[in-house]
Amino acid sequence: MKLATLEPKAHLFVCANRRAEGDPLGSGCAERGEAVYGALKREVAARGRVRDTWVARTQCLGLCPQRGCAVAVSPAGRYLLEVEPGDAPAILDALAPSSAAR
């Protein structure tokens, strides 16, 4: 095992879990999560923050919103619910101190 030399300031885990049709817990974040993942990746790239803000797809986070998707924010230990693609700028604004370069 080797310790990574590059660590992000923030790592966003976007639920894109798909459940079987008829699952009592619902369909999962699925396409909604994929859309949020894409929006976050584009926003991170547009701001030139690919080295300090990582975005990853994940499976179930254990929080199943009725709309949008769930996003876990590390290392803050926060969970965002009902995240929509249009929320990407606000999420990144909340991660960075006001003095951060865009």
PDB file of N, CA and C in Angstrom:
ATOM      1  N   MET A   1       0.848  -1.173   0.000  1.00  0.00           N
ATOM      2  CA  MET A   1       0.000   0.000   0.000  1.00  0.00           C
ATOM      3  C   MET A   1       0.892   1.234   0.000  1.00  0.00           C
ATOM      4  N   LYS A   2       0.420   2.268  -0.698  1.00  0.00           N
ATOM      5  CA  LYS A   2       1.183   3.493  -0.816  1.00  0.00           C
ATOM      6  C   LYS A   2       0.238   4.677  -0.599  1.00  0.00           C
ATOM      7  N   LEU A   3       0.663   5.656   0.163  1.00  0.00           N
ATOM      8  CA  LEU A   3      -0.129   6.845   0.411  1.00  0.00           C
ATOM      9  C   LEU A   3      -0.095   7.757  -0.816  1.00  0.00           C
ATOM     10  N   ALA A   4      -1.246   8.255  -1.213  1.00  0.00           N
ATOM     11  CA  ALA A   4      -1.330   9.149  -2.375  1.00  0.00           C
ATOM     12  C   ALA A   4      -0.636  10.466  -2.070  1.00  0.00           C
ATOM     13  N   THR A   5       0.035  11.002  -3.061  1.00  0.00           N
ATOM     14  CA  THR A   5       0.716  12.279  -2.875  1.00  0.00           C
ATOM     15  C   THR A   5      -0.167  13.457  -3.251  1.00  0.00           C
ATOM     16  N   LEU A   6      -1.223  13.215  -3.992  1.00  0.00           N
ATOM     17  CA  LEU A   6      -2.147  14.268  -4.394  1.00  0.00           C
ATOM     18  C   LEU A   6      -3.481  14.037  -3.700  1.00  0.00           C
ATOM     19  N   GLU A   7      -3.931  15.030  -2.958  1.00  0.00           N
ATOM     20  CA  GLU A   7      -5.217  14.926  -2.278  1.00  0.00           C
ATOM     21  C   GLU A   7      -6.052  16.150  -2.601  1.00  0.00           C
ATOM     22  N   PRO A   8      -7.341  15.953  -2.865  1.00  0.00           N
ATOM     23  CA  PRO A   8      -8.191  17.094  -3.177  1.00  0.00           C
ATOM     24  C   PRO A   8      -8.568  17.866  -1.913  1.00  0.00           C
ATOM     25  N   LYS A   9      -8.947  19.118  -2.096  1.00  0.00           N
ATOM     26  CA  LYS A   9      -9.496  19.901  -0.986  1.00  0.00           C
ATOM     27  C   LYS A   9     -10.929  19.461  -0.721  1.00  0.00           C
ATOM     28  N   ALA A  10     -11.592  19.024  -1.790  1.00  0.00           N
ATOM     29  CA  ALA A  10     -12.964  18.517  -1.673  1.00  0.00           C
ATOM     30  C   ALA A  10     -13.143  17.360  -2.645  1.00  0.00           C
ATOM     31  N   HIS A  11     -13.907  16.380  -2.203  1.00  0.00           N
ATOM     32  CA  HIS A  11     -14.230  15.226  -3.048  1.00  0.00           C
ATOM     33  C   HIS A  11     -15.737  15.055  -2.968  1.00  0.00           C
ATOM     34  N   LEU A  12     -16.398  15.179  -4.098  1.00  0.00           N
ATOM     35  CA  LEU A  12     -17.850  15.059  -4.174  1.00  0.00           C
ATOM     36  C   LEU A  12     -18.216  13.680  -4.717  1.00  0.00           C
ATOM     37  N   PHE A  13     -19.020  12.960  -3.965  1.00  0.00           N
ATOM     38  CA  PHE A  13     -19.471  11.632  -4.372  1.00  0.00           C
ATOM     39  C   PHE A  13     -20.950  11.747  -4.764  1.00  0.00           C
ATOM     40  N   VAL A  14     -21.234  11.550  -6.038  1.00  0.00           N
ATOM     41  CA  VAL A  14     -22.573  11.737  -6.582  1.00  0.00           C
ATOM     42  C   VAL A  14     -23.243  10.371  -6.761  1.00  0.00           C
ATOM     43  N   CYS A  15     -24.375  10.188  -6.103  1.00  0.00           N
ATOM     44  CA  CYS A  15     -25.088   8.922  -6.230  1.00  0.00           C
ATOM     45  C   CYS A  15     -25.684   8.801  -7.630  1.00  0.00           C
ATOM     46  N   ALA A  16     -25.359   7.705  -8.296  1.00  0.00           N
ATOM     47  CA  ALA A  16     -25.943   7.375  -9.597  1.00  0.00           C
ATOM     48  C   ALA A  16     -26.465   5.936  -9.542  1.00  0.00           C
ATOM     49  N   ASN A  17     -26.866   5.519  -8.350  1.00  0.00           N
ATOM     50  CA  ASN A  17     -27.331   4.153  -8.128  1.00  0.00           C
ATOM     51  C   ASN A  17     -28.614   3.873  -8.909  1.00  0.00           C
ATOM     52  N   ARG A  18     -28.672   2.698  -9.503  1.00  0.00           N
ATOM     53  CA  ARG A  18     -29.861   2.249 -10.229  1.00  0.00           C
ATOM     54  C   ARG A  18     -30.420   1.023  -9.527  1.00  0.00           C
ATOM     55  N   ARG A  19     -31.702   1.091  -9.220  1.00  0.00           N
ATOM     56  CA  ARG A  19     -32.380  -0.061  -8.628  1.00  0.00           C
ATOM     57  C   ARG A  19     -33.333  -0.655  -9.653  1.00  0.00           C
ATOM     58  N   ALA A  20     -33.673  -1.881  -9.413  1.00  0.00           N
ATOM     59  CA  ALA A  20     -34.600  -2.581 -10.309  1.00  0.00           C
ATOM     60  C   ALA A  20     -35.975  -1.922 -10.274  1.00  0.00           C
ATOM     61  N   GLU A  21     -36.649  -1.985 -11.418  1.00  0.00           N
ATOM     62  CA  GLU A  21     -38.009  -1.471 -11.494  1.00  0.00           C
ATOM     63  C   GLU A  21     -38.868  -2.192 -10.458  1.00  0.00           C
ATOM     64  N   GLY A  22     -39.660  -1.426  -9.738  1.00  0.00           N
ATOM     65  CA  GLY A  22     -40.529  -2.008  -8.723  1.00  0.00           C
ATOM     66  C   GLY A  22     -39.872  -2.165  -7.362  1.00  0.00           C
ATOM     67  N   ASP A  23     -38.617  -1.787  -7.222  1.00  0.00           N
ATOM     68  CA  ASP A  23     -37.935  -1.868  -5.930  1.00  0.00           C
ATOM     69  C   ASP A  23     -38.692  -1.010  -4.926  1.00  0.00           C
ATOM     70  N   PRO A  24     -38.951  -1.527  -3.719  1.00  0.00           N
ATOM     71  CA  PRO A  24     -39.715  -0.759  -2.730  1.00  0.00           C
ATOM     72  C   PRO A  24     -39.032   0.556  -2.311  1.00  0.00           C
ATOM     73  N   LEU A  25     -37.732   0.668  -2.545  1.00  0.00           N
ATOM     74  CA  LEU A  25     -37.026   1.904  -2.201  1.00  0.00           C
ATOM     75  C   LEU A  25     -37.016   2.908  -3.349  1.00  0.00           C
ATOM     76  N   GLY A  26     -37.617   2.544  -4.467  1.00  0.00           N
ATOM     77  CA  GLY A  26     -37.630   3.432  -5.619  1.00  0.00           C
ATOM     78  C   GLY A  26     -36.543   3.066  -6.609  1.00  0.00           C
ATOM     79  N   SER A  27     -36.408   3.879  -7.631  1.00  0.00           N
ATOM     80  CA  SER A  27     -35.483   3.559  -8.719  1.00  0.00           C
ATOM     81  C   SER A  27     -34.048   3.979  -8.438  1.00  0.00           C
ATOM     82  N   GLY A  28     -33.812   4.719  -7.366  1.00  0.00           N
ATOM     83  CA  GLY A  28     -32.472   5.224  -7.086  1.00  0.00           C
ATOM     84  C   GLY A  28     -32.259   6.548  -7.802  1.00  0.00           C
ATOM     85  N   CYS A  29     -31.081   7.115  -7.671  1.00  0.00           N
ATOM     86  CA  CYS A  29     -30.795   8.428  -8.278  1.00  0.00           C
ATOM     87  C   CYS A  29     -30.547   8.313  -9.778  1.00  0.00           C
ATOM     88  N   ALA A  30     -30.001   7.207 -10.221  1.00  0.00           N
ATOM     89  CA  ALA A  30     -29.822   6.852 -11.640  1.00  0.00           C
ATOM     90  C   ALA A  30     -29.529   8.026 -12.562  1.00  0.00           C
ATOM     91  N   GLU A  31     -30.430   8.289 -13.528  1.00  0.00           N
ATOM     92  CA  GLU A  31     -30.199   9.340 -14.526  1.00  0.00           C
ATOM     93  C   GLU A  31     -30.071  10.708 -13.884  1.00  0.00           C
ATOM     94  N   ARG A  32     -30.811  10.951 -12.799  1.00  0.00           N
ATOM     95  CA  ARG A  32     -30.704  12.247 -12.109  1.00  0.00           C
ATOM     96  C   ARG A  32     -29.292  12.432 -11.585  1.00  0.00           C
ATOM     97  N   GLY A  33     -28.709  11.375 -11.030  1.00  0.00           N
ATOM     98  CA  GLY A  33     -27.340  11.439 -10.536  1.00  0.00           C
ATOM     99  C   GLY A  33     -26.338  11.615 -11.660  1.00  0.00           C
ATOM    100  N   GLU A  34     -26.559  10.955 -12.786  1.00  0.00           N
ATOM    101  CA  GLU A  34     -25.669  11.104 -13.941  1.00  0.00           C
ATOM    102  C   GLU A  34     -25.674  12.549 -14.426  1.00  0.00           C
ATOM    103  N   ALA A  35     -26.845  13.180 -14.442  1.00  0.00           N
ATOM    104  CA  ALA A  35     -26.948  14.573 -14.888  1.00  0.00           C
ATOM    105  C   ALA A  35     -26.205  15.508 -13.929  1.00  0.00           C
ATOM    106  N   VAL A  36     -26.332  15.279 -12.634  1.00  0.00           N
ATOM    107  CA  VAL A  36     -25.635  16.101 -11.643  1.00  0.00           C
ATOM    108  C   VAL A  36     -24.134  15.867 -11.739  1.00  0.00           C
ATOM    109  N   TYR A  37     -23.727  14.623 -11.892  1.00  0.00           N
ATOM    110  CA  TYR A  37     -22.309  14.297 -12.054  1.00  0.00           C
ATOM    111  C   TYR A  37     -21.723  15.085 -13.233  1.00  0.00           C
ATOM    112  N   GLY A  38     -22.397  15.051 -14.366  1.00  0.00           N
ATOM    113  CA  GLY A  38     -21.922  15.766 -15.543  1.00  0.00           C
ATOM    114  C   GLY A  38     -21.841  17.270 -15.315  1.00  0.00           C
ATOM    115  N   ALA A  39     -22.857  17.826 -14.657  1.00  0.00           N
ATOM    116  CA  ALA A  39     -22.861  19.272 -14.387  1.00  0.00           C
ATOM    117  C   ALA A  39     -21.728  19.664 -13.457  1.00  0.00           C
ATOM    118  N   LEU A  40     -21.468  18.862 -12.432  1.00  0.00           N
ATOM    119  CA  LEU A  40     -20.374  19.159 -11.501  1.00  0.00           C
ATOM    120  C   LEU A  40     -19.018  19.045 -12.190  1.00  0.00           C
ATOM    121  N   LYS A  41     -18.831  18.017 -13.005  1.00  0.00           N
ATOM    122  CA  LYS A  41     -17.568  17.856 -13.732  1.00  0.00           C
ATOM    123  C   LYS A  41     -17.325  19.064 -14.645  1.00  0.00           C
ATOM    124  N   ARG A  42     -18.357  19.499 -15.341  1.00  0.00           N
ATOM    125  CA  ARG A  42     -18.203  20.652 -16.237  1.00  0.00           C
ATOM    126  C   ARG A  42     -17.884  21.923 -15.451  1.00  0.00           C
ATOM    127  N   GLU A  43     -18.542  22.125 -14.327  1.00  0.00           N
ATOM    128  CA  GLU A  43     -18.317  23.327 -13.523  1.00  0.00           C
ATOM    129  C   GLU A  43     -16.919  23.336 -12.915  1.00  0.00           C
ATOM    130  N   VAL A  44     -16.472  22.195 -12.443  1.00  0.00           N
ATOM    131  CA  VAL A  44     -15.107  22.091 -11.898  1.00  0.00           C
ATOM    132  C   VAL A  44     -14.092  22.422 -12.994  1.00  0.00           C
ATOM    133  N   ALA A  45     -14.284  21.872 -14.173  1.00  0.00           N
ATOM    134  CA  ALA A  45     -13.361  22.136 -15.282  1.00  0.00           C
ATOM    135  C   ALA A  45     -13.392  23.610 -15.689  1.00  0.00           C
ATOM    136  N   ALA A  46     -14.588  24.189 -15.759  1.00  0.00           N
ATOM    137  CA  ALA A  46     -14.718  25.591 -16.162  1.00  0.00           C
ATOM    138  C   ALA A  46     -14.009  26.523 -15.184  1.00  0.00           C
ATOM    139  N   ARG A  47     -13.954  26.126 -13.923  1.00  0.00           N
ATOM    140  CA  ARG A  47     -13.309  26.942 -12.898  1.00  0.00           C
ATOM    141  C   ARG A  47     -11.824  26.611 -12.746  1.00  0.00           C
ATOM    142  N   GLY A  48     -11.355  25.645 -13.510  1.00  0.00           N
ATOM    143  CA  GLY A  48      -9.950  25.260 -13.422  1.00  0.00           C
ATOM    144  C   GLY A  48      -9.582  24.645 -12.084  1.00  0.00           C
ATOM    145  N   ARG A  49     -10.508  23.886 -11.502  1.00  0.00           N
ATOM    146  CA  ARG A  49     -10.286  23.326 -10.165  1.00  0.00           C
ATOM    147  C   ARG A  49     -10.148  21.805 -10.171  1.00  0.00           C
ATOM    148  N   VAL A  50      -9.726  21.227 -11.293  1.00  0.00           N
ATOM    149  CA  VAL A  50      -9.673  19.771 -11.417  1.00  0.00           C
ATOM    150  C   VAL A  50      -8.668  19.123 -10.468  1.00  0.00           C
ATOM    151  N   ARG A  51      -7.665  19.846 -10.008  1.00  0.00           N
ATOM    152  CA  ARG A  51      -6.687  19.260  -9.087  1.00  0.00           C
ATOM    153  C   ARG A  51      -7.149  19.322  -7.633  1.00  0.00           C
ATOM    154  N   ASP A  52      -8.012  20.285  -7.296  1.00  0.00           N
ATOM    155  CA  ASP A  52      -8.394  20.413  -5.883  1.00  0.00           C
ATOM    156  C   ASP A  52      -9.830  20.002  -5.572  1.00  0.00           C
ATOM    157  N   THR A  53     -10.649  19.806  -6.618  1.00  0.00           N
ATOM    158  CA  THR A  53     -12.029  19.384  -6.399  1.00  0.00           C
ATOM    159  C   THR A  53     -12.318  18.191  -7.295  1.00  0.00           C
ATOM    160  N   TRP A  54     -12.485  17.042  -6.676  1.00  0.00           N
ATOM    161  CA  TRP A  54     -12.729  15.817  -7.439  1.00  0.00           C
ATOM    162  C   TRP A  54     -14.205  15.460  -7.363  1.00  0.00           C
ATOM    163  N   VAL A  55     -14.706  14.911  -8.461  1.00  0.00           N
ATOM    164  CA  VAL A  55     -16.099  14.488  -8.551  1.00  0.00           C
ATOM    165  C   VAL A  55     -16.112  13.026  -8.979  1.00  0.00           C
ATOM    166  N   ALA A  56     -16.834  12.207  -8.239  1.00  0.00           N
ATOM    167  CA  ALA A  56     -16.893  10.778  -8.548  1.00  0.00           C
ATOM    168  C   ALA A  56     -18.330  10.271  -8.474  1.00  0.00           C
ATOM    169  N   ARG A  57     -18.663   9.350  -9.359  1.00  0.00           N
ATOM    170  CA  ARG A  57     -19.948   8.645  -9.276  1.00  0.00           C
ATOM    171  C   ARG A  57     -19.827   7.588  -8.189  1.00  0.00           C
ATOM    172  N   THR A  58     -20.927   7.350  -7.527  1.00  0.00           N
ATOM    173  CA  THR A  58     -20.943   6.284  -6.541  1.00  0.00           C
ATOM    174  C   THR A  58     -22.284   5.567  -6.593  1.00  0.00           C
ATOM    175  N   GLN A  59     -22.343   4.482  -5.888  1.00  0.00           N
ATOM    176  CA  GLN A  59     -23.604   3.768  -5.748  1.00  0.00           C
ATOM    177  C   GLN A  59     -24.348   4.349  -4.547  1.00  0.00           C
ATOM    178  N   CYS A  60     -25.260   3.627  -3.991  1.00  0.00           N
ATOM    179  CA  CYS A  60     -26.160   4.124  -2.964  1.00  0.00           C
ATOM    180  C   CYS A  60     -25.424   4.759  -1.775  1.00  0.00           C
ATOM    181  N   LEU A  61     -25.856   5.965  -1.424  1.00  0.00           N
ATOM    182  CA  LEU A  61     -25.343   6.658  -0.242  1.00  0.00           C
ATOM    183  C   LEU A  61     -26.258   6.450   0.957  1.00  0.00           C
ATOM    184  N   GLY A  62     -27.366   5.722   0.746  1.00  0.00           N
ATOM    185  CA  GLY A  62     -28.292   5.447   1.840  1.00  0.00           C
ATOM    186  C   GLY A  62     -29.325   6.544   2.055  1.00  0.00           C
ATOM    187  N   LEU A  63     -29.297   7.548   1.211  1.00  0.00           N
ATOM    188  CA  LEU A  63     -30.253   8.659   1.286  1.00  0.00           C
ATOM    189  C   LEU A  63     -30.925   8.744  -0.074  1.00  0.00           C
ATOM    190  N   CYS A  64     -32.219   8.531  -0.126  1.00  0.00           N
ATOM    191  CA  CYS A  64     -32.903   8.446  -1.412  1.00  0.00           C
ATOM    192  C   CYS A  64     -33.925   9.568  -1.549  1.00  0.00           C
ATOM    193  N   PRO A  65     -33.517  10.679  -2.190  1.00  0.00           N
ATOM    194  CA  PRO A  65     -34.462  11.781  -2.358  1.00  0.00           C
ATOM    195  C   PRO A  65     -35.521  11.456  -3.410  1.00  0.00           C
ATOM    196  N   GLN A  66     -36.665  12.092  -3.303  1.00  0.00           N
ATOM    197  CA  GLN A  66     -37.743  11.896  -4.274  1.00  0.00           C
ATOM    198  C   GLN A  66     -37.407  12.538  -5.616  1.00  0.00           C
ATOM    199  N   ARG A  67     -36.599  13.610  -5.571  1.00  0.00           N
ATOM    200  CA  ARG A  67     -36.181  14.261  -6.810  1.00  0.00           C
ATOM    201  C   ARG A  67     -34.690  14.552  -6.704  1.00  0.00           C
ATOM    202  N   GLY A  68     -34.057  14.830  -7.841  1.00  0.00           N
ATOM    203  CA  GLY A  68     -32.624  15.093  -7.820  1.00  0.00           C
ATOM    204  C   GLY A  68     -31.851  13.875  -7.361  1.00  0.00           C
ATOM    205  N   CYS A  69     -30.688  14.126  -6.754  1.00  0.00           N
ATOM    206  CA  CYS A  69     -29.885  13.015  -6.246  1.00  0.00           C
ATOM    207  C   CYS A  69     -29.212  13.410  -4.942  1.00  0.00           C
ATOM    208  N   ALA A  70     -28.503  12.466  -4.361  1.00  0.00           N
ATOM    209  CA  ALA A  70     -27.749  12.699  -3.131  1.00  0.00           C
ATOM    210  C   ALA A  70     -26.275  12.873  -3.489  1.00  0.00           C
ATOM    211  N   VAL A  71     -25.612  13.784  -2.769  1.00  0.00           N
ATOM    212  CA  VAL A  71     -24.186  14.037  -2.968  1.00  0.00           C
ATOM    213  C   VAL A  71     -23.521  14.083  -1.601  1.00  0.00           C
ATOM    214  N   ALA A  72     -22.447  13.313  -1.425  1.00  0.00           N
ATOM    215  CA  ALA A  72     -21.657  13.350  -0.198  1.00  0.00           C
ATOM    216  C   ALA A  72     -20.453  14.254  -0.438  1.00  0.00           C
ATOM    217  N   VAL A  73     -20.161  15.120   0.540  1.00  0.00           N
ATOM    218  CA  VAL A  73     -19.055  16.062   0.436  1.00  0.00           C
ATOM    219  C   VAL A  73     -17.998  15.679   1.460  1.00  0.00           C
ATOM    220  N   SER A  74     -16.814  15.364   0.963  1.00  0.00           N
ATOM    221  CA  SER A  74     -15.703  14.986   1.836  1.00  0.00           C
ATOM    222  C   SER A  74     -14.609  16.021   1.672  1.00  0.00           C
ATOM    223  N   PRO A  75     -13.900  16.407   2.685  1.00  0.00           N
ATOM    224  CA  PRO A  75     -13.885  15.867   4.038  1.00  0.00           C
ATOM    225  C   PRO A  75     -14.889  16.509   4.979  1.00  0.00           C
ATOM    226  N   ALA A  76     -15.790  17.371   4.483  1.00  0.00           N
ATOM    227  CA  ALA A  76     -16.740  18.072   5.343  1.00  0.00           C
ATOM    228  C   ALA A  76     -17.701  17.133   6.068  1.00  0.00           C
ATOM    229  N   GLY A  77     -17.917  15.941   5.495  1.00  0.00           N
ATOM    230  CA  GLY A  77     -18.843  15.002   6.121  1.00  0.00           C
ATOM    231  C   GLY A  77     -20.289  15.456   6.006  1.00  0.00           C
ATOM    232  N   ARG A  78     -20.607  16.145   4.926  1.00  0.00           N
ATOM    233  CA  ARG A  78     -21.973  16.632   4.713  1.00  0.00           C
ATOM    234  C   ARG A  78     -22.613  15.868   3.571  1.00  0.00           C
ATOM    235  N   TYR A  79     -23.939  15.802   3.626  1.00  0.00           N
ATOM    236  CA  TYR A  79     -24.717  15.164   2.576  1.00  0.00           C
ATOM    237  C   TYR A  79     -25.716  16.167   2.042  1.00  0.00           C
ATOM    238  N   LEU A  80     -25.779  16.275   0.726  1.00  0.00           N
ATOM    239  CA  LEU A  80     -26.726  17.162   0.064  1.00  0.00           C
ATOM    240  C   LEU A  80     -27.806  16.309  -0.578  1.00  0.00           C
ATOM    241  N   LEU A  81     -29.049  16.726  -0.440  1.00  0.00           N
ATOM    242  CA  LEU A  81     -30.171  15.976  -1.000  1.00  0.00           C
ATOM    243  C   LEU A  81     -30.909  16.821  -2.018  1.00  0.00           C
ATOM    244  N   GLU A  82     -31.622  16.156  -2.916  1.00  0.00           N
ATOM    245  CA  GLU A  82     -32.410  16.795  -3.960  1.00  0.00           C
ATOM    246  C   GLU A  82     -31.560  17.718  -4.819  1.00  0.00           C
ATOM    247  N   VAL A  83     -30.316  17.305  -5.060  1.00  0.00           N
ATOM    248  CA  VAL A  83     -29.402  18.094  -5.881  1.00  0.00           C
ATOM    249  C   VAL A  83     -29.803  17.973  -7.346  1.00  0.00           C
ATOM    250  N   GLU A  84     -29.880  19.114  -8.008  1.00  0.00           N
ATOM    251  CA  GLU A  84     -30.211  19.197  -9.431  1.00  0.00           C
ATOM    252  C   GLU A  84     -28.981  19.712 -10.176  1.00  0.00           C
ATOM    253  N   PRO A  85     -28.872  19.468 -11.475  1.00  0.00           N
ATOM    254  CA  PRO A  85     -27.717  19.947 -12.233  1.00  0.00           C
ATOM    255  C   PRO A  85     -27.460  21.448 -12.072  1.00  0.00           C
ATOM    256  N   GLY A  86     -28.498  22.244 -11.986  1.00  0.00           N
ATOM    257  CA  GLY A  86     -28.353  23.690 -11.835  1.00  0.00           C
ATOM    258  C   GLY A  86     -27.746  24.117 -10.507  1.00  0.00           C
ATOM    259  N   ASP A  87     -27.638  23.189  -9.563  1.00  0.00           N
ATOM    260  CA  ASP A  87     -27.045  23.495  -8.254  1.00  0.00           C
ATOM    261  C   ASP A  87     -25.520  23.465  -8.271  1.00  0.00           C
ATOM    262  N   ALA A  88     -24.919  22.994  -9.359  1.00  0.00           N
ATOM    263  CA  ALA A  88     -23.463  22.828  -9.407  1.00  0.00           C
ATOM    264  C   ALA A  88     -22.693  24.099  -9.055  1.00  0.00           C
ATOM    265  N   PRO A  89     -23.024  25.272  -9.610  1.00  0.00           N
ATOM    266  CA  PRO A  89     -22.266  26.468  -9.245  1.00  0.00           C
ATOM    267  C   PRO A  89     -22.351  26.794  -7.750  1.00  0.00           C
ATOM    268  N   ALA A  90     -23.535  26.673  -7.175  1.00  0.00           N
ATOM    269  CA  ALA A  90     -23.699  26.980  -5.747  1.00  0.00           C
ATOM    270  C   ALA A  90     -22.925  25.998  -4.875  1.00  0.00           C
ATOM    271  N   ILE A  91     -22.875  24.740  -5.269  1.00  0.00           N
ATOM    272  CA  ILE A  91     -22.118  23.744  -4.499  1.00  0.00           C
ATOM    273  C   ILE A  91     -20.641  24.109  -4.500  1.00  0.00           C
ATOM    274  N   LEU A  92     -20.106  24.449  -5.662  1.00  0.00           N
ATOM    275  CA  LEU A  92     -18.684  24.813  -5.737  1.00  0.00           C
ATOM    276  C   LEU A  92     -18.418  26.128  -5.019  1.00  0.00           C
ATOM    277  N   ASP A  93     -19.341  27.073  -5.098  1.00  0.00           N
ATOM    278  CA  ASP A  93     -19.168  28.330  -4.357  1.00  0.00           C
ATOM    279  C   ASP A  93     -19.075  28.056  -2.861  1.00  0.00           C
ATOM    280  N   ALA A  94     -19.880  27.123  -2.369  1.00  0.00           N
ATOM    281  CA  ALA A  94     -19.898  26.809  -0.931  1.00  0.00           C
ATOM    282  C   ALA A  94     -18.623  26.095  -0.480  1.00  0.00           C
ATOM    283  N   LEU A  95     -17.925  25.436  -1.405  1.00  0.00           N
ATOM    284  CA  LEU A  95     -16.710  24.704  -1.052  1.00  0.00           C
ATOM    285  C   LEU A  95     -15.494  25.606  -0.916  1.00  0.00           C
ATOM    286  N   ALA A  96     -15.501  26.708  -1.654  1.00  0.00           N
ATOM    287  CA  ALA A  96     -14.308  27.540  -1.749  1.00  0.00           C
ATOM    288  C   ALA A  96     -14.436  28.803  -0.911  1.00  0.00           C
ATOM    289  N   PRO A  97     -13.353  29.192  -0.233  1.00  0.00           N
ATOM    290  CA  PRO A  97     -13.363  30.489   0.424  1.00  0.00           C
ATOM    291  C   PRO A  97     -13.524  31.578  -0.631  1.00  0.00           C
ATOM    292  N   SER A  98     -14.073  32.694  -0.261  1.00  0.00           N
ATOM    293  CA  SER A  98     -14.359  33.770  -1.219  1.00  0.00           C
ATOM    294  C   SER A  98     -13.111  34.262  -1.939  1.00  0.00           C
ATOM    295  N   SER A  99     -11.936  34.006  -1.375  1.00  0.00           N
ATOM    296  CA  SER A  99     -10.702  34.462  -2.005  1.00  0.00           C
ATOM    297  C   SER A  99     -10.146  33.475  -3.028  1.00  0.00           C
ATOM    298  N   ALA A 100     -10.802  32.334  -3.213  1.00  0.00           N
ATOM    299  CA  ALA A 100     -10.289  31.320  -4.148  1.00  0.00           C
ATOM    300  C   ALA A 100     -10.374  31.828  -5.576  1.00  0.00           C
ATOM    301  N   ALA A 101      -9.367  31.498  -6.350  1.00  0.00           N
ATOM    302  CA  ALA A 101      -9.349  31.885  -7.757  1.00  0.00           C
ATOM    303  C   ALA A 101     -10.285  30.991  -8.543  1.00  0.00           C
ATOM    304  N   ARG A 102     -10.931  31.554  -9.560  1.00  0.00           N
ATOM    305  CA  ARG A 102     -11.844  30.761 -10.382  1.00  0.00           C
ATOM    306  C   ARG A 102     -11.231  30.528 -11.680  1.00  0.00           C
TER     307      ARG A 102
END
